[in-house]
N, C-alpha and C. Protein backbone atom coordinates (compact mmCIF):
# COMPACT_ATOMS: atom_id res chain seq x y z
N MET A 1 -23.25 13.42 -17.32
CA MET A 1 -21.85 13.90 -17.05
C MET A 1 -21.33 13.25 -15.80
N THR A 2 -22.21 13.12 -14.73
CA THR A 2 -21.71 12.48 -13.53
C THR A 2 -21.37 11.07 -13.73
N LYS A 3 -22.12 10.36 -14.48
CA LYS A 3 -21.74 8.93 -14.69
C LYS A 3 -20.44 8.83 -15.46
N LYS A 4 -20.13 9.64 -16.35
CA LYS A 4 -18.85 9.61 -17.07
C LYS A 4 -17.72 10.04 -16.12
N ALA A 5 -17.91 10.91 -15.30
CA ALA A 5 -16.97 11.28 -14.31
C ALA A 5 -16.60 10.08 -13.35
N PHE A 6 -17.63 9.40 -12.92
CA PHE A 6 -17.37 8.29 -12.01
C PHE A 6 -16.62 7.15 -12.81
N GLU A 7 -17.06 6.94 -13.94
CA GLU A 7 -16.35 5.89 -14.76
C GLU A 7 -14.88 6.23 -15.00
N ARG A 8 -14.65 7.53 -15.24
CA ARG A 8 -13.27 7.89 -15.46
C ARG A 8 -12.45 7.84 -14.07
N TYR A 9 -13.05 8.26 -13.07
CA TYR A 9 -12.40 8.15 -11.67
C TYR A 9 -12.05 6.68 -11.34
N GLU A 10 -13.03 5.72 -11.65
CA GLU A 10 -12.78 4.36 -11.46
C GLU A 10 -11.69 3.85 -12.25
N LYS A 11 -11.62 4.28 -13.49
CA LYS A 11 -10.56 3.86 -14.37
C LYS A 11 -9.23 4.30 -13.86
N LEU A 12 -9.10 5.45 -13.39
CA LEU A 12 -7.85 6.06 -12.85
C LEU A 12 -7.49 5.44 -11.46
N GLN A 13 -8.52 5.15 -10.73
CA GLN A 13 -8.28 4.70 -9.32
C GLN A 13 -8.09 3.27 -9.20
N PHE A 14 -8.62 2.43 -10.05
CA PHE A 14 -8.55 0.96 -9.83
C PHE A 14 -7.07 0.43 -9.71
N PRO A 15 -6.16 0.84 -10.56
CA PRO A 15 -4.80 0.29 -10.40
C PRO A 15 -4.22 0.55 -9.02
N ARG A 16 -4.48 1.77 -8.57
CA ARG A 16 -3.90 2.15 -7.19
C ARG A 16 -4.60 1.31 -6.12
N SER A 17 -5.87 1.18 -6.28
CA SER A 17 -6.67 0.43 -5.22
C SER A 17 -6.16 -1.09 -5.26
N LYS A 18 -5.90 -1.64 -6.45
CA LYS A 18 -5.38 -3.02 -6.61
C LYS A 18 -4.14 -3.16 -5.93
N MET A 19 -3.26 -2.18 -6.18
CA MET A 19 -1.90 -2.27 -5.60
C MET A 19 -1.98 -2.21 -4.10
N ILE A 20 -2.84 -1.37 -3.49
CA ILE A 20 -2.93 -1.31 -2.02
C ILE A 20 -3.47 -2.65 -1.52
N VAL A 21 -4.46 -3.23 -2.10
CA VAL A 21 -5.04 -4.50 -1.67
C VAL A 21 -3.91 -5.61 -1.68
N ASN A 22 -3.17 -5.67 -2.84
CA ASN A 22 -2.08 -6.66 -2.91
C ASN A 22 -1.10 -6.54 -1.82
N GLU A 23 -0.65 -5.26 -1.61
CA GLU A 23 0.38 -4.96 -0.60
C GLU A 23 -0.13 -5.33 0.82
N SER A 24 -1.36 -5.02 1.05
CA SER A 24 -2.05 -5.34 2.30
C SER A 24 -2.07 -6.80 2.53
N LEU A 25 -2.42 -7.50 1.49
CA LEU A 25 -2.40 -9.02 1.69
C LEU A 25 -1.04 -9.58 1.95
N LYS A 26 0.00 -9.03 1.34
CA LYS A 26 1.36 -9.46 1.56
C LYS A 26 1.81 -9.20 2.99
N LEU A 27 1.49 -7.99 3.51
CA LEU A 27 1.84 -7.65 4.85
C LEU A 27 1.07 -8.44 5.87
N GLY A 28 -0.20 -8.77 5.53
CA GLY A 28 -0.97 -9.60 6.35
C GLY A 28 -0.42 -10.94 6.49
N LYS A 29 0.06 -11.56 5.40
CA LYS A 29 0.66 -12.86 5.39
C LYS A 29 1.95 -12.85 6.24
N MET A 30 2.70 -11.72 6.16
CA MET A 30 3.94 -11.63 6.97
C MET A 30 3.61 -11.49 8.37
N GLY A 31 2.56 -10.85 8.74
CA GLY A 31 2.11 -10.80 10.10
C GLY A 31 1.61 -12.05 10.74
N GLN A 32 1.16 -12.99 9.89
CA GLN A 32 0.65 -14.29 10.24
C GLN A 32 1.63 -15.44 10.24
N LEU A 33 2.93 -15.13 10.07
CA LEU A 33 3.92 -16.14 10.03
C LEU A 33 3.98 -16.97 11.33
N THR A 34 4.27 -18.31 11.20
CA THR A 34 4.35 -19.12 12.38
C THR A 34 5.71 -19.83 12.47
N ASN A 35 6.52 -19.81 11.41
CA ASN A 35 7.86 -20.32 11.39
C ASN A 35 8.75 -19.35 12.24
N PRO A 36 9.40 -19.84 13.33
CA PRO A 36 10.15 -18.97 14.19
C PRO A 36 11.37 -18.33 13.48
N VAL A 37 11.97 -18.92 12.47
CA VAL A 37 13.12 -18.44 11.69
C VAL A 37 12.55 -17.23 10.82
N LEU A 38 11.48 -17.48 10.21
CA LEU A 38 10.94 -16.36 9.39
C LEU A 38 10.40 -15.21 10.23
N ILE A 39 9.86 -15.51 11.36
CA ILE A 39 9.42 -14.46 12.29
C ILE A 39 10.56 -13.59 12.76
N ALA A 40 11.64 -14.26 13.04
CA ALA A 40 12.93 -13.50 13.47
C ALA A 40 13.45 -12.64 12.31
N PHE A 41 13.44 -13.22 11.09
CA PHE A 41 13.88 -12.47 9.94
C PHE A 41 13.10 -11.26 9.69
N ARG A 42 11.75 -11.52 9.80
CA ARG A 42 10.81 -10.34 9.52
C ARG A 42 11.01 -9.23 10.53
N ASN A 43 11.15 -9.62 11.86
CA ASN A 43 11.27 -8.61 12.90
C ASN A 43 12.65 -7.90 12.73
N PHE A 44 13.63 -8.57 12.36
CA PHE A 44 14.94 -7.97 12.11
C PHE A 44 14.84 -7.00 10.87
N ALA A 45 14.17 -7.45 9.85
CA ALA A 45 14.14 -6.65 8.68
C ALA A 45 13.35 -5.29 9.03
N PHE A 46 12.28 -5.42 9.71
CA PHE A 46 11.60 -4.21 10.07
C PHE A 46 12.35 -3.27 10.96
N LYS A 47 13.07 -3.83 11.91
CA LYS A 47 13.83 -2.99 12.85
C LYS A 47 15.07 -2.37 12.07
N ALA A 48 15.62 -3.08 11.11
CA ALA A 48 16.80 -2.62 10.44
C ALA A 48 16.47 -1.63 9.33
N MET A 49 15.24 -1.50 8.98
CA MET A 49 14.73 -0.74 7.86
C MET A 49 15.05 0.79 8.21
N PRO A 50 15.70 1.46 7.38
CA PRO A 50 15.93 2.86 7.65
C PRO A 50 14.59 3.67 7.68
N SER A 51 14.62 4.60 8.58
CA SER A 51 13.41 5.35 8.82
C SER A 51 12.85 6.09 7.57
N ASN A 52 13.75 6.60 6.80
CA ASN A 52 13.41 7.24 5.60
C ASN A 52 12.72 6.36 4.57
N LEU A 53 13.03 5.13 4.53
CA LEU A 53 12.46 4.12 3.62
C LEU A 53 11.11 3.79 4.17
N ALA A 54 10.90 3.61 5.50
CA ALA A 54 9.62 3.36 6.13
C ALA A 54 8.72 4.51 5.92
N MET A 55 9.18 5.79 5.95
CA MET A 55 8.41 6.95 5.76
C MET A 55 7.93 7.01 4.27
N LYS A 56 8.79 6.58 3.31
CA LYS A 56 8.40 6.53 1.89
C LYS A 56 7.17 5.57 1.72
N MET A 57 7.29 4.40 2.41
CA MET A 57 6.21 3.46 2.32
C MET A 57 4.92 4.05 2.86
N VAL A 58 4.99 4.69 4.00
CA VAL A 58 3.79 5.26 4.57
C VAL A 58 3.30 6.44 3.68
N ASP A 59 4.19 7.19 3.22
CA ASP A 59 3.89 8.40 2.37
C ASP A 59 3.12 8.03 1.17
N LYS A 60 3.53 6.90 0.58
CA LYS A 60 2.77 6.37 -0.62
C LYS A 60 1.31 6.34 -0.47
N TYR A 61 0.83 6.05 0.81
CA TYR A 61 -0.64 5.91 0.97
C TYR A 61 -1.23 7.19 1.52
N PHE A 62 -0.60 7.91 2.37
CA PHE A 62 -1.22 9.01 3.10
C PHE A 62 -0.95 10.40 2.44
N SER A 63 -0.06 10.47 1.46
CA SER A 63 0.16 11.74 0.80
C SER A 63 -0.69 11.88 -0.50
N TYR A 64 -1.43 10.82 -0.86
CA TYR A 64 -2.21 10.79 -2.08
C TYR A 64 -3.34 11.78 -2.00
N ARG A 65 -3.41 12.55 -3.02
CA ARG A 65 -4.51 13.67 -3.04
C ARG A 65 -5.52 13.25 -4.14
N VAL A 66 -6.62 12.67 -3.72
CA VAL A 66 -7.56 12.28 -4.67
C VAL A 66 -8.20 13.48 -5.48
N THR A 67 -8.11 14.66 -4.81
CA THR A 67 -8.75 15.85 -5.41
C THR A 67 -7.91 16.43 -6.60
N LYS A 68 -6.71 15.87 -6.64
CA LYS A 68 -5.75 16.33 -7.70
C LYS A 68 -5.96 15.46 -9.06
N ILE A 69 -6.80 14.47 -9.05
CA ILE A 69 -7.15 13.66 -10.20
C ILE A 69 -7.89 14.48 -11.24
N LYS A 70 -7.41 14.42 -12.43
CA LYS A 70 -8.09 15.18 -13.55
C LYS A 70 -9.18 14.35 -14.14
N ILE A 71 -10.39 14.56 -13.78
CA ILE A 71 -11.57 13.74 -14.37
C ILE A 71 -12.02 14.49 -15.46
């Protein structure tokens, strides 16, 4: 039963984990920019981002309740 539950959990969790890894890689690349024009654009975009949009982005990761998954 435990093995089946872990397999089910992995099947449900993998797409979310993959999405987090991909978004992390994109943000990492943005943080590593060396082109001054792109750096200025990135900095402007983050400063101009409405706080409610930024909170939605953060909420996507921190409001997730793994205990709510139906295994």
